[in-house]
C-alpha atoms as a PDB file:
ATOM      1  CA  MET A   1       4.653  88.682 -39.533  1.00  0.00           C
ATOM      2  CA  THR A   2       8.100  90.338 -40.847  1.00  0.00           C
ATOM      3  CA  GLN A   3       9.017  88.397 -44.087  1.00  0.00           C
ATOM      4  CA  ALA A   4      12.463  86.760 -43.570  1.00  0.00           C
ATOM      5  CA  PRO A   5      15.419  88.165 -45.539  1.00  0.00           C
ATOM      6  CA  VAL A   6      16.378  86.770 -49.036  1.00  0.00           C
ATOM      7  CA  LEU A   7      19.826  86.732 -47.789  1.00  0.00           C
ATOM      8  CA  ASP A   8      21.036  86.877 -44.233  1.00  0.00           C
ATOM      9  CA  VAL A   9      24.841  86.242 -43.406  1.00  0.00           C
ATOM     10  CA  ARG A  10      26.239  86.039 -39.610  1.00  0.00           C
ATOM     11  CA  ASP A  11      30.148  86.145 -38.685  1.00  0.00           C
ATOM     12  CA  LEU A  12      31.147  84.895 -42.113  1.00  0.00           C
ATOM     13  CA  GLU A  13      35.047  84.097 -42.119  1.00  0.00           C
ATOM     14  CA  MET A  14      37.050  83.273 -45.214  1.00  0.00           C
ATOM     15  CA  HIS A  15      40.797  82.328 -44.711  1.00  0.00           C
ATOM     16  CA  PHE A  16      43.149  81.170 -47.272  1.00  0.00           C
ATOM     17  CA  ALA A  17      46.115  78.782 -46.543  1.00  0.00           C
ATOM     18  CA  VAL A  18      49.151  80.273 -48.552  1.00  0.00           C
ATOM     19  CA  GLY A  19      51.599  77.927 -50.131  1.00  0.00           C
ATOM     20  CA  GLY A  20      55.430  79.025 -50.080  1.00  0.00           C
ATOM     21  CA  GLY A  21      58.798  77.800 -49.340  1.00  0.00           C
ATOM     22  CA  LEU A  22      59.739  75.696 -46.393  1.00  0.00           C
ATOM     23  CA  LEU A  23      61.124  78.553 -44.200  1.00  0.00           C
ATOM     24  CA  ASP A  24      58.163  80.510 -44.936  1.00  0.00           C
ATOM     25  CA  ARG A  25      56.197  77.862 -43.512  1.00  0.00           C
ATOM     26  CA  LEU A  26      58.231  76.999 -39.777  1.00  0.00           C
ATOM     27  CA  LYS A  27      56.895  78.244 -36.626  1.00  0.00           C
ATOM     28  CA  LEU A  28      58.310  77.621 -33.453  1.00  0.00           C
ATOM     29  CA  ASP A  29      56.483  76.925 -30.570  1.00  0.00           C
ATOM     30  CA  ALA A  30      57.334  75.749 -26.885  1.00  0.00           C
ATOM     31  CA  LYS A  31      57.569  72.167 -28.092  1.00  0.00           C
ATOM     32  CA  GLY A  32      59.760  72.694 -30.750  1.00  0.00           C
ATOM     33  CA  ILE A  33      59.386  73.169 -34.541  1.00  0.00           C
ATOM     34  CA  ARG A  34      56.042  72.650 -36.216  1.00  0.00           C
ATOM     35  CA  LEU A  35      55.085  73.155 -39.926  1.00  0.00           C
ATOM     36  CA  GLU A  36      52.570  75.743 -40.354  1.00  0.00           C
ATOM     37  CA  LYS A  37      51.328  77.440 -43.636  1.00  0.00           C
ATOM     38  CA  PRO A  38      50.521  81.338 -43.470  1.00  0.00           C
ATOM     39  CA  ILE A  39      47.101  82.130 -43.168  1.00  0.00           C
ATOM     40  CA  VAL A  40      45.593  85.089 -45.411  1.00  0.00           C
ATOM     41  CA  HIS A  41      42.418  86.423 -43.043  1.00  0.00           C
ATOM     42  CA  ALA A  42      40.551  87.690 -46.129  1.00  0.00           C
ATOM     43  CA  VAL A  43      37.137  87.912 -44.393  1.00  0.00           C
ATOM     44  CA  ASN A  44      36.598  88.426 -40.757  1.00  0.00           C
ATOM     45  CA  GLY A  45      33.126  88.195 -39.233  1.00  0.00           C
ATOM     46  CA  VAL A  46      31.330  90.006 -41.857  1.00  0.00           C
ATOM     47  CA  SER A  47      27.336  90.089 -41.271  1.00  0.00           C
ATOM     48  CA  LEU A  48      24.545  91.626 -43.417  1.00  0.00           C
ATOM     49  CA  SER A  49      21.125  91.060 -44.413  1.00  0.00           C
ATOM     50  CA  ILE A  50      19.393  91.858 -47.798  1.00  0.00           C
ATOM     51  CA  ALA A  51      15.218  91.787 -47.953  1.00  0.00           C
ATOM     52  CA  GLN A  52      13.206  91.096 -51.155  1.00  0.00           C
ATOM     53  CA  GLY A  53      13.672  94.022 -53.794  1.00  0.00           C
ATOM     54  CA  GLU A  54      16.762  95.588 -51.902  1.00  0.00           C
ATOM     55  CA  ILE A  55      19.791  96.451 -53.035  1.00  0.00           C
ATOM     56  CA  MET A  56      23.040  96.398 -50.669  1.00  0.00           C
ATOM     57  CA  ALA A  57      26.523  97.375 -51.863  1.00  0.00           C
ATOM     58  CA  LEU A  58      29.772  96.629 -50.380  1.00  0.00           C
ATOM     59  CA  VAL A  59      32.394  99.086 -50.929  1.00  0.00           C
ATOM     60  CA  GLY A  60      36.116  99.541 -50.183  1.00  0.00           C
ATOM     61  CA  GLU A  61      39.579  99.728 -51.637  1.00  0.00           C
ATOM     62  CA  SER A  62      41.021  96.911 -53.855  1.00  0.00           C
ATOM     63  CA  GLY A  63      41.819  94.010 -51.523  1.00  0.00           C
ATOM     64  CA  CYS A  64      39.472  94.664 -48.723  1.00  0.00           C
ATOM     65  CA  GLY A  65      37.566  91.390 -49.145  1.00  0.00           C
ATOM     66  CA  LYS A  66      34.453  92.614 -50.790  1.00  0.00           C
ATOM     67  CA  SER A  67      34.655  90.091 -53.827  1.00  0.00           C
ATOM     68  CA  THR A  68      35.718  87.670 -51.651  1.00  0.00           C
ATOM     69  CA  VAL A  69      32.750  88.032 -49.569  1.00  0.00           C
ATOM     70  CA  ALA A  70      30.545  87.650 -52.755  1.00  0.00           C
ATOM     71  CA  LYS A  71      31.986  84.460 -54.097  1.00  0.00           C
ATOM     72  CA  THR A  72      32.005  82.856 -50.514  1.00  0.00           C
ATOM     73  CA  ILE A  73      28.155  83.479 -50.171  1.00  0.00           C
ATOM     74  CA  ALA A  74      27.893  82.339 -53.810  1.00  0.00           C
ATOM     75  CA  ARG A  75      29.928  79.078 -52.333  1.00  0.00           C
ATOM     76  CA  ILE A  76      32.261  79.262 -54.965  1.00  0.00           C
ATOM     77  CA  TYR A  77      34.705  79.705 -51.826  1.00  0.00           C
ATOM     78  CA  GLU A  78      33.984  76.771 -49.082  1.00  0.00           C
ATOM     79  CA  PRO A  79      33.599  79.391 -45.796  1.00  0.00           C
ATOM     80  CA  THR A  80      36.015  78.715 -43.034  1.00  0.00           C
ATOM     81  CA  LYS A  81      33.211  79.849 -40.645  1.00  0.00           C
ATOM     82  CA  GLY A  82      29.960  81.512 -40.332  1.00  0.00           C
ATOM     83  CA  LYS A  83      26.155  81.293 -41.484  1.00  0.00           C
ATOM     84  CA  ILE A  84      24.984  81.825 -45.063  1.00  0.00           C
ATOM     85  CA  ARG A  85      21.244  81.665 -44.816  1.00  0.00           C
ATOM     86  CA  ILE A  86      19.155  81.628 -48.259  1.00  0.00           C
ATOM     87  CA  ASP A  87      15.490  82.066 -47.620  1.00  0.00           C
ATOM     88  CA  GLY A  88      16.006  80.948 -44.166  1.00  0.00           C
ATOM     89  CA  LYS A  89      18.084  77.861 -45.034  1.00  0.00           C
ATOM     90  CA  ASP A  90      21.877  77.673 -44.075  1.00  0.00           C
ATOM     91  CA  ILE A  91      23.604  76.508 -46.928  1.00  0.00           C
ATOM     92  CA  ALA A  92      27.464  77.250 -45.285  1.00  0.00           C
ATOM     93  CA  ASN A  93      28.011  73.547 -44.977  1.00  0.00           C
ATOM     94  CA  PHE A  94      25.837  72.278 -48.172  1.00  0.00           C
ATOM     95  CA  GLY A  95      27.740  69.937 -50.357  1.00  0.00           C
ATOM     96  CA  PHE A  96      27.678  70.258 -54.271  1.00  0.00           C
ATOM     97  CA  ALA A  97      24.390  68.038 -54.722  1.00  0.00           C
ATOM     98  CA  GLN A  98      22.679  70.176 -52.051  1.00  0.00           C
ATOM     99  CA  MET A  99      23.771  73.222 -53.656  1.00  0.00           C
ATOM    100  CA  LEU A 100      22.089  72.658 -57.051  1.00  0.00           C
ATOM    101  CA  PRO A 101      18.548  73.496 -56.172  1.00  0.00           C
ATOM    102  CA  VAL A 102      19.733  76.772 -54.185  1.00  0.00           C
ATOM    103  CA  ARG A 103      21.602  77.970 -57.344  1.00  0.00           C
ATOM    104  CA  ALA A 104      18.355  78.599 -59.035  1.00  0.00           C
ATOM    105  CA  ARG A 105      17.658  80.961 -56.289  1.00  0.00           C
ATOM    106  CA  MET A 106      20.969  82.837 -56.148  1.00  0.00           C
ATOM    107  CA  GLN A 107      22.980  83.841 -59.326  1.00  0.00           C
ATOM    108  CA  MET A 108      25.763  85.925 -60.121  1.00  0.00           C
ATOM    109  CA  ILE A 109      26.774  88.650 -62.777  1.00  0.00           C
ATOM    110  CA  PHE A 110      30.589  88.958 -63.237  1.00  0.00           C
ATOM    111  CA  GLN A 111      32.915  91.657 -63.858  1.00  0.00           C
ATOM    112  CA  ASP A 112      34.170  90.752 -67.107  1.00  0.00           C
ATOM    113  CA  PRO A 113      31.555  90.160 -69.415  1.00  0.00           C
ATOM    114  CA  TYR A 114      33.523  88.556 -72.005  1.00  0.00           C
ATOM    115  CA  ALA A 115      35.468  86.207 -69.723  1.00  0.00           C
ATOM    116  CA  SER A 116      32.290  84.803 -68.109  1.00  0.00           C
ATOM    117  CA  LEU A 117      30.799  83.716 -71.143  1.00  0.00           C
ATOM    118  CA  ASN A 118      32.007  80.579 -73.093  1.00  0.00           C
ATOM    119  CA  PRO A 119      33.502  81.795 -76.673  1.00  0.00           C
ATOM    120  CA  ARG A 120      32.441  78.735 -78.195  1.00  0.00           C
ATOM    121  CA  GLN A 121      28.663  78.881 -77.278  1.00  0.00           C
ATOM    122  CA  ARG A 122      26.052  80.832 -79.001  1.00  0.00           C
ATOM    123  CA  VAL A 123      24.244  83.078 -77.080  1.00  0.00           C
ATOM    124  CA  ARG A 124      21.150  80.910 -77.038  1.00  0.00           C
ATOM    125  CA  ASP A 125      22.759  78.161 -75.537  1.00  0.00           C
ATOM    126  CA  ILE A 126      24.730  80.545 -72.809  1.00  0.00           C
ATOM    127  CA  VAL A 127      21.290  81.605 -71.645  1.00  0.00           C
ATOM    128  CA  ALA A 128      19.736  78.308 -71.810  1.00  0.00           C
ATOM    129  CA  GLU A 129      22.249  76.106 -70.104  1.00  0.00           C
ATOM    130  CA  PRO A 130      21.464  77.126 -66.698  1.00  0.00           C
ATOM    131  CA  LEU A 131      17.758  76.851 -67.492  1.00  0.00           C
ATOM    132  CA  LEU A 132      18.063  73.366 -68.759  1.00  0.00           C
ATOM    133  CA  GLU A 133      20.058  72.300 -65.826  1.00  0.00           C
ATOM    134  CA  GLN A 134      17.350  73.186 -63.618  1.00  0.00           C
ATOM    135  CA  THR A 135      14.510  71.875 -65.885  1.00  0.00           C
ATOM    136  CA  LYS A 136      14.355  68.027 -66.301  1.00  0.00           C
ATOM    137  CA  ILE A 137      10.506  67.920 -67.395  1.00  0.00           C
ATOM    138  CA  ALA A 138      10.239  67.505 -71.154  1.00  0.00           C
ATOM    139  CA  GLN A 139       7.500  69.667 -71.559  1.00  0.00           C
ATOM    140  CA  GLU A 140       9.079  72.647 -69.819  1.00  0.00           C
ATOM    141  CA  ARG A 141      11.956  71.870 -71.699  1.00  0.00           C
ATOM    142  CA  ALA A 142      10.377  72.507 -74.889  1.00  0.00           C
ATOM    143  CA  ALA A 143       9.444  75.914 -73.742  1.00  0.00           C
ATOM    144  CA  VAL A 144      12.898  76.792 -73.201  1.00  0.00           C
ATOM    145  CA  PRO A 145      13.495  78.700 -76.860  1.00  0.00           C
ATOM    146  CA  GLU A 146      10.243  80.772 -76.238  1.00  0.00           C
ATOM    147  CA  LYS A 147      11.596  82.020 -72.801  1.00  0.00           C
ATOM    148  CA  ILE A 148      15.149  82.565 -73.859  1.00  0.00           C
ATOM    149  CA  ALA A 149      13.591  85.012 -76.732  1.00  0.00           C
ATOM    150  CA  ARG A 150      11.465  86.858 -73.847  1.00  0.00           C
ATOM    151  CA  LEU A 151      14.470  87.280 -71.739  1.00  0.00           C
ATOM    152  CA  LEU A 152      17.037  88.548 -74.401  1.00  0.00           C
ATOM    153  CA  ALA A 153      13.992  91.026 -75.454  1.00  0.00           C
ATOM    154  CA  ARG A 154      13.894  91.944 -71.749  1.00  0.00           C
ATOM    155  CA  VAL A 155      17.757  93.065 -71.648  1.00  0.00           C
ATOM    156  CA  GLY A 156      17.630  94.918 -74.636  1.00  0.00           C
ATOM    157  CA  LEU A 157      18.730  92.157 -77.296  1.00  0.00           C
ATOM    158  CA  ASN A 158      16.957  91.388 -80.404  1.00  0.00           C
ATOM    159  CA  ALA A 159      16.054  87.821 -81.508  1.00  0.00           C
ATOM    160  CA  GLU A 160      18.928  87.825 -84.200  1.00  0.00           C
ATOM    161  CA  HIS A 161      21.310  88.160 -81.377  1.00  0.00           C
ATOM    162  CA  ALA A 162      20.367  84.780 -80.011  1.00  0.00           C
ATOM    163  CA  GLY A 163      22.790  82.933 -83.002  1.00  0.00           C
ATOM    164  CA  ARG A 164      25.664  85.102 -82.458  1.00  0.00           C
ATOM    165  CA  TYR A 165      28.752  84.247 -80.480  1.00  0.00           C
ATOM    166  CA  PRO A 166      30.050  86.689 -77.491  1.00  0.00           C
ATOM    167  CA  HIS A 167      32.861  88.236 -79.385  1.00  0.00           C
ATOM    168  CA  GLN A 168      30.432  89.701 -81.809  1.00  0.00           C
ATOM    169  CA  PHE A 169      29.034  92.074 -79.276  1.00  0.00           C
ATOM    170  CA  SER A 170      30.119  95.044 -77.304  1.00  0.00           C
ATOM    171  CA  GLY A 171      30.853  95.026 -73.868  1.00  0.00           C
ATOM    172  CA  GLY A 172      27.721  96.535 -72.618  1.00  0.00           C
ATOM    173  CA  GLN A 173      25.720  93.730 -74.846  1.00  0.00           C
ATOM    174  CA  ARG A 174      28.020  90.946 -73.522  1.00  0.00           C
ATOM    175  CA  GLN A 175      26.756  92.302 -69.834  1.00  0.00           C
ATOM    176  CA  ARG A 176      23.181  92.278 -70.988  1.00  0.00           C
ATOM    177  CA  ILE A 177      23.736  88.561 -72.112  1.00  0.00           C
ATOM    178  CA  GLY A 178      24.953  87.706 -68.443  1.00  0.00           C
ATOM    179  CA  ILE A 179      22.021  89.343 -66.904  1.00  0.00           C
ATOM    180  CA  ALA A 180      19.770  87.195 -68.923  1.00  0.00           C
ATOM    181  CA  ARG A 181      21.456  83.943 -68.070  1.00  0.00           C
ATOM    182  CA  ALA A 182      21.266  85.116 -64.476  1.00  0.00           C
ATOM    183  CA  LEU A 183      17.454  85.893 -64.942  1.00  0.00           C
ATOM    184  CA  SER A 184      16.618  82.517 -66.766  1.00  0.00           C
ATOM    185  CA  VAL A 185      16.252  80.418 -63.649  1.00  0.00           C
ATOM    186  CA  THR A 186      14.030  83.067 -61.935  1.00  0.00           C
ATOM    187  CA  PRO A 187      16.456  83.818 -58.912  1.00  0.00           C
ATOM    188  CA  GLY A 188      15.449  85.644 -55.668  1.00  0.00           C
ATOM    189  CA  LEU A 189      18.743  86.889 -55.178  1.00  0.00           C
ATOM    190  CA  ILE A 190      21.600  88.140 -57.664  1.00  0.00           C
ATOM    191  CA  ILE A 191      25.012  88.730 -56.681  1.00  0.00           C
ATOM    192  CA  ALA A 192      26.760  91.203 -58.790  1.00  0.00           C
ATOM    193  CA  ASP A 193      30.571  91.500 -58.470  1.00  0.00           C
ATOM    194  CA  GLU A 194      31.668  95.062 -60.118  1.00  0.00           C
ATOM    195  CA  PRO A 195      29.265  94.352 -62.955  1.00  0.00           C
ATOM    196  CA  VAL A 196      29.864  97.877 -64.639  1.00  0.00           C
ATOM    197  CA  SER A 197      33.523  98.691 -63.850  1.00  0.00           C
ATOM    198  CA  ALA A 198      34.686  97.365 -67.245  1.00  0.00           C
ATOM    199  CA  LEU A 199      32.144  99.357 -69.065  1.00  0.00           C
ATOM    200  CA  ASP A 200      32.032 102.938 -70.587  1.00  0.00           C
ATOM    201  CA  VAL A 201      30.328 105.621 -68.439  1.00  0.00           C
ATOM    202  CA  SER A 202      27.146 105.749 -70.625  1.00  0.00           C
ATOM    203  CA  ILE A 203      26.702 102.025 -70.810  1.00  0.00           C
ATOM    204  CA  GLN A 204      27.155 101.875 -67.293  1.00  0.00           C
ATOM    205  CA  ALA A 205      24.190 104.175 -66.911  1.00  0.00           C
ATOM    206  CA  GLN A 206      21.978 101.777 -69.048  1.00  0.00           C
ATOM    207  CA  ILE A 207      23.077  98.382 -67.138  1.00  0.00           C
ATOM    208  CA  LEU A 208      22.493 100.195 -63.945  1.00  0.00           C
ATOM    209  CA  ASN A 209      19.074 101.201 -64.689  1.00  0.00           C
ATOM    210  CA  LEU A 210      18.256  98.063 -66.470  1.00  0.00           C
ATOM    211  CA  MET A 211      19.377  96.152 -63.101  1.00  0.00           C
ATOM    212  CA  LYS A 212      17.006  98.598 -61.060  1.00  0.00           C
ATOM    213  CA  ASP A 213      13.981  98.107 -63.443  1.00  0.00           C
ATOM    214  CA  LEU A 214      14.479  94.318 -63.182  1.00  0.00           C
ATOM    215  CA  ARG A 215      14.682  94.482 -59.395  1.00  0.00           C
ATOM    216  CA  ASP A 216      11.177  96.488 -59.672  1.00  0.00           C
ATOM    217  CA  GLU A 217       9.649  94.021 -61.928  1.00  0.00           C
ATOM    218  CA  PHE A 218      10.871  90.899 -60.247  1.00  0.00           C
ATOM    219  CA  GLY A 219      11.390  91.525 -56.667  1.00  0.00           C
ATOM    220  CA  LEU A 220      15.001  90.710 -56.845  1.00  0.00           C
ATOM    221  CA  ALA A 221      17.589  91.291 -54.093  1.00  0.00           C
ATOM    222  CA  TYR A 222      21.040  92.330 -55.071  1.00  0.00           C
ATOM    223  CA  LEU A 223      24.360  92.173 -53.444  1.00  0.00           C
ATOM    224  CA  PHE A 224      26.134  94.844 -55.381  1.00  0.00           C
ATOM    225  CA  ILE A 225      30.156  94.749 -55.179  1.00  0.00           C
ATOM    226  CA  SER A 226      31.644  98.109 -56.390  1.00  0.00           C
ATOM    227  CA  HIS A 227      34.573 100.335 -55.410  1.00  0.00           C
ATOM    228  CA  ASP A 228      32.826 103.071 -57.436  1.00  0.00           C
ATOM    229  CA  LEU A 229      30.822 105.642 -54.790  1.00  0.00           C
ATOM    230  CA  SER A 230      29.047 107.339 -57.586  1.00  0.00           C
ATOM    231  CA  VAL A 231      27.567 103.911 -58.822  1.00  0.00           C
ATOM    232  CA  VAL A 232      26.853 102.859 -55.477  1.00  0.00           C
ATOM    233  CA  HIS A 233      25.196 106.159 -54.688  1.00  0.00           C
ATOM    234  CA  HIS A 234      22.899 105.404 -57.883  1.00  0.00           C
ATOM    235  CA  ILE A 235      21.734 102.106 -57.482  1.00  0.00           C
ATOM    236  CA  ALA A 236      22.144 101.075 -53.537  1.00  0.00           C
ATOM    237  CA  ASP A 237      19.394 101.001 -50.767  1.00  0.00           C
ATOM    238  CA  LYS A 238      22.027 100.418 -48.143  1.00  0.00           C
ATOM    239  CA  VAL A 239      26.139 100.302 -48.138  1.00  0.00           C
ATOM    240  CA  GLY A 240      28.086  98.210 -46.184  1.00  0.00           C
ATOM    241  CA  VAL A 241      32.072  99.708 -45.896  1.00  0.00           C
ATOM    242  CA  MET A 242      34.520  97.248 -45.692  1.00  0.00           C
ATOM    243  CA  TYR A 243      38.350  97.590 -44.663  1.00  0.00           C
ATOM    244  CA  LEU A 244      41.034  94.451 -44.726  1.00  0.00           C
ATOM    245  CA  GLY A 245      38.043  91.784 -44.264  1.00  0.00           C
ATOM    246  CA  PHE A 246      36.127  93.788 -41.588  1.00  0.00           C
ATOM    247  CA  MET A 247      32.724  95.601 -42.151  1.00  0.00           C
ATOM    248  CA  VAL A 248      33.460  98.786 -40.558  1.00  0.00           C
ATOM    249  CA  GLU A 249      30.254 100.679 -41.194  1.00  0.00           C
ATOM    250  CA  ASN A 250      26.721  99.899 -42.824  1.00  0.00           C
ATOM    251  CA  ALA A 251      23.908 102.162 -43.274  1.00  0.00           C
ATOM    252  CA  PRO A 252      21.112 103.256 -45.427  1.00  0.00           C
ATOM    253  CA  ARG A 253      22.788 105.142 -48.446  1.00  0.00           C
ATOM    254  CA  ASP A 254      21.240 108.504 -47.753  1.00  0.00           C
ATOM    255  CA  VAL A 255      22.362 108.485 -44.309  1.00  0.00           C
ATOM    256  CA  LEU A 256      25.789 107.043 -45.036  1.00  0.00           C
ATOM    257  CA  PHE A 257      26.846 109.675 -47.621  1.00  0.00           C
ATOM    258  CA  ALA A 258      25.200 112.650 -45.585  1.00  0.00           C
ATOM    259  CA  ARG A 259      26.627 111.468 -42.107  1.00  0.00           C
ATOM    260  CA  PRO A 260      29.614 108.925 -42.363  1.00  0.00           C
ATOM    261  CA  ARG A 261      30.756 108.171 -39.014  1.00  0.00           C
ATOM    262  CA  HIS A 262      33.856 106.039 -39.414  1.00  0.00           C
ATOM    263  CA  PRO A 263      37.078 107.628 -40.418  1.00  0.00           C
ATOM    264  CA  TYR A 264      37.766 105.404 -43.352  1.00  0.00           C
ATOM    265  CA  THR A 265      34.279 105.899 -44.818  1.00  0.00           C
ATOM    266  CA  ARG A 266      34.677 109.796 -44.431  1.00  0.00           C
ATOM    267  CA  ALA A 267      38.151 109.379 -46.212  1.00  0.00           C
ATOM    268  CA  LEU A 268      36.566 107.299 -49.080  1.00  0.00           C
ATOM    269  CA  LEU A 269      33.927 110.157 -49.601  1.00  0.00           C
ATOM    270  CA  SER A 270      36.366 112.911 -49.291  1.00  0.00           C
ATOM    271  CA  ALA A 271      38.524 111.339 -51.975  1.00  0.00           C
ATOM    272  CA  ALA A 272      35.954 110.470 -54.430  1.00  0.00           C
ATOM    273  CA  PRO A 273      35.727 112.567 -57.582  1.00  0.00           C
ATOM    274  CA  SER A 274      32.859 114.408 -58.305  1.00  0.00           C
ATOM    275  CA  VAL A 275      31.754 117.325 -60.845  1.00  0.00           C
ATOM    276  CA  LYS A 276      29.532 118.967 -58.370  1.00  0.00           C
ATOM    277  CA  ALA A 277      30.737 120.873 -55.318  1.00  0.00           C
ATOM    278  CA  LYS A 278      32.030 118.747 -52.518  1.00  0.00           C
ATOM    279  CA  ARG A 279      29.488 118.184 -49.535  1.00  0.00           C
ATOM    280  CA  ASP A 280      30.412 119.190 -46.164  1.00  0.00           C
ATOM    281  CA  ILE A 281      32.718 116.434 -45.216  1.00  0.00           C
ATOM    282  CA  GLU A 282      35.944 116.853 -43.348  1.00  0.00           C
ATOM    283  CA  GLU A 283      38.709 116.176 -46.001  1.00  0.00           C
ATOM    284  CA  ILE A 284      40.913 112.939 -44.485  1.00  0.00           C
ATOM    285  CA  VAL A 285      44.105 111.784 -46.429  1.00  0.00           C
ATOM    286  CA  LEU A 286      45.054 108.537 -45.557  1.00  0.00           C
ATOM    287  CA  THR A 287      48.887 107.819 -45.382  1.00  0.00           C
ATOM    288  CA  GLY A 288      51.001 104.472 -45.166  1.00  0.00           C
ATOM    289  CA  GLU A 289      49.949 101.241 -46.565  1.00  0.00           C
ATOM    290  CA  VAL A 290      47.368  98.656 -46.000  1.00  0.00           C
ATOM    291  CA  PRO A 291      48.383  96.199 -43.533  1.00  0.00           C
ATOM    292  CA  SER A 292      48.919  92.586 -44.979  1.00  0.00           C
ATOM    293  CA  ALA A 293      46.160  90.179 -44.259  1.00  0.00           C
ATOM    294  CA  LEU A 294      48.635  87.606 -43.261  1.00  0.00           C
ATOM    295  CA  ASP A 295      49.337  89.471 -39.927  1.00  0.00           C
ATOM    296  CA  LEU A 296      46.477  91.592 -39.158  1.00  0.00           C
ATOM    297  CA  PRO A 297      47.275  94.629 -36.550  1.00  0.00           C
ATOM    298  CA  SER A 298      46.043  94.270 -32.967  1.00  0.00           C
ATOM    299  CA  GLY A 299      43.034  96.161 -31.991  1.00  0.00           C
ATOM    300  CA  CYS A 300      41.670  98.249 -35.012  1.00  0.00           C
ATOM    301  CA  CYS A 301      42.940  97.184 -38.213  1.00  0.00           C
ATOM    302  CA  PHE A 302      42.510 100.800 -39.473  1.00  0.00           C
ATOM    303  CA  ARG A 303      44.595 102.518 -36.627  1.00  0.00           C
ATOM    304  CA  THR A 304      47.771 102.205 -38.533  1.00  0.00           C
ATOM    305  CA  ARG A 305      46.333 104.522 -41.118  1.00  0.00           C
ATOM    306  CA  CYS A 306      43.921 106.577 -39.015  1.00  0.00           C
ATOM    307  CA  PRO A 307      44.511 110.269 -38.004  1.00  0.00           C
ATOM    308  CA  PHE A 308      42.545 109.822 -34.852  1.00  0.00           C
ATOM    309  CA  ALA A 309      43.801 106.560 -33.425  1.00  0.00           C
ATOM    310  CA  TRP A 310      44.707 106.410 -29.719  1.00  0.00           C
ATOM    311  CA  LYS A 311      45.476 103.847 -27.279  1.00  0.00           C
ATOM    312  CA  LYS A 312      42.355 102.038 -27.143  1.00  0.00           C
ATOM    313  CA  CYS A 313      42.552 101.596 -30.679  1.00  0.00           C
ATOM    314  CA  ALA A 314      45.893  99.322 -30.330  1.00  0.00           C
ATOM    315  CA  GLN A 315      44.207  97.319 -27.471  1.00  0.00           C
ATOM    316  CA  GLU A 316      40.879  96.425 -28.573  1.00  0.00           C
ATOM    317  CA  ARG A 317      39.019  95.419 -31.672  1.00  0.00           C
ATOM    318  CA  PRO A 318      35.998  97.546 -32.356  1.00  0.00           C
ATOM    319  CA  GLN A 319      32.541  96.002 -32.741  1.00  0.00           C
ATOM    320  CA  LEU A 320      29.804  97.417 -34.925  1.00  0.00           C
ATOM    321  CA  GLN A 321      27.379  99.256 -32.564  1.00  0.00           C
ATOM    322  CA  ASP A 322      24.220 100.707 -33.567  1.00  0.00           C
ATOM    323  CA  VAL A 323      24.152 104.581 -33.515  1.00  0.00           C
ATOM    324  CA  GLY A 324      20.789 105.013 -34.699  1.00  0.00           C
ATOM    325  CA  ASP A 325      18.845 105.603 -38.060  1.00  0.00           C
ATOM    326  CA  GLY A 326      19.652 102.256 -39.049  1.00  0.00           C
ATOM    327  CA  GLN A 327      23.687 103.001 -39.191  1.00  0.00           C
ATOM    328  CA  SER A 328      26.125 100.735 -37.205  1.00  0.00           C
ATOM    329  CA  VAL A 329      29.997 101.765 -37.009  1.00  0.00           C
ATOM    330  CA  ALA A 330      32.948  99.793 -35.646  1.00  0.00           C
ATOM    331  CA  CYS A 331      34.891 102.592 -33.951  1.00  0.00           C
ATOM    332  CA  HIS A 332      36.053 103.705 -30.749  1.00  0.00           C
ATOM    333  CA  LEU A 333      35.582 107.142 -31.526  1.00  0.00           C
ATOM    334  CA  ILE A 334      31.893 106.778 -30.960  1.00  0.00           C
ATOM    335  CA  ASP A 335      32.421 105.862 -27.596  1.00  0.00           C
ATOM    336  CA  ALA A 336      34.975 108.757 -26.744  1.00  0.00           C
ATOM    337  CA  PRO A 337      33.814 111.602 -29.487  1.00  0.00           C
ATOM    338  CA  GLU A 338      35.833 114.057 -27.965  1.00  0.00           C
ATOM    339  CA  ARG A 339      39.092 112.511 -29.267  1.00  0.00           C
ATOM    340  CA  ASP A 340      39.708 113.932 -32.735  1.00  0.00           C
ATOM    341  CA  THR A 341      43.646 114.185 -32.586  1.00  0.00           C
ATOM    342  CA  ARG A 342      46.627 111.780 -31.693  1.00  0.00           C
END
């Protein structure tokens, strides 16, 4: 029997109502005037699945919705629509009390390792807090200090660090504290939202290698959010590419980097800086601005910047379709590959 994925997300949508002046909210319809707040379509029908021990990365330009996907899965945001299954259980409509045991299975590592730590708490208290929240039995609570010491040692910190405050550490050390805190409740899934983007390159490598070692040791599944393709190539098993809240391509890492199919993915890879010679990927230079999530274009949202867009792109929204080797692409060029110009 095939093991159920740790995380399975289907048709996830996250919309935000935007406040503003009265004139911004007035909409005319056939019956007169009605009040209506503008809607930001931040996430639009995203689906993904992550198995135990697997690392999936979400990539895309800033504002594409990848961090919103992460926060919605973690139920920091209330999803507008869709299913979020953790170990086969749909948590999309869970209330606060129902989410408490789920949070032991799903933890987050945040982008800013300083802002995510309480500056008034010592390290031992930061790491112990989620563990004590989940542990109510007195005998188990008595073993918490020993477990904290083991966790800190596992992420490369000394026992003496337990009595210090976050401001007494470097950025890399603070991120190690955040990782120890996430591991304290023995999760099955860790959502890492740009966990190394605020760190120096040499420290990035240390944290990434630590995360991979912990994956192998504890069988963790990761949802890894990043805009850095070199980081993604180093750590991910499979990659999802997002644009304006839509998943436009997903594939195993090696397949996507060797044979990107969506024009947006090809543009990202051709623009990525590299100290090595460029792979045999046609350079695509994007022009124009990203459309507003308040007013999505008809058809394919990427068509306003795509050098290969044609009539069908404005008329019909492309759906993800399997093109083999575990790769799925949402592009009308898959159906008409001979069209390579306007």
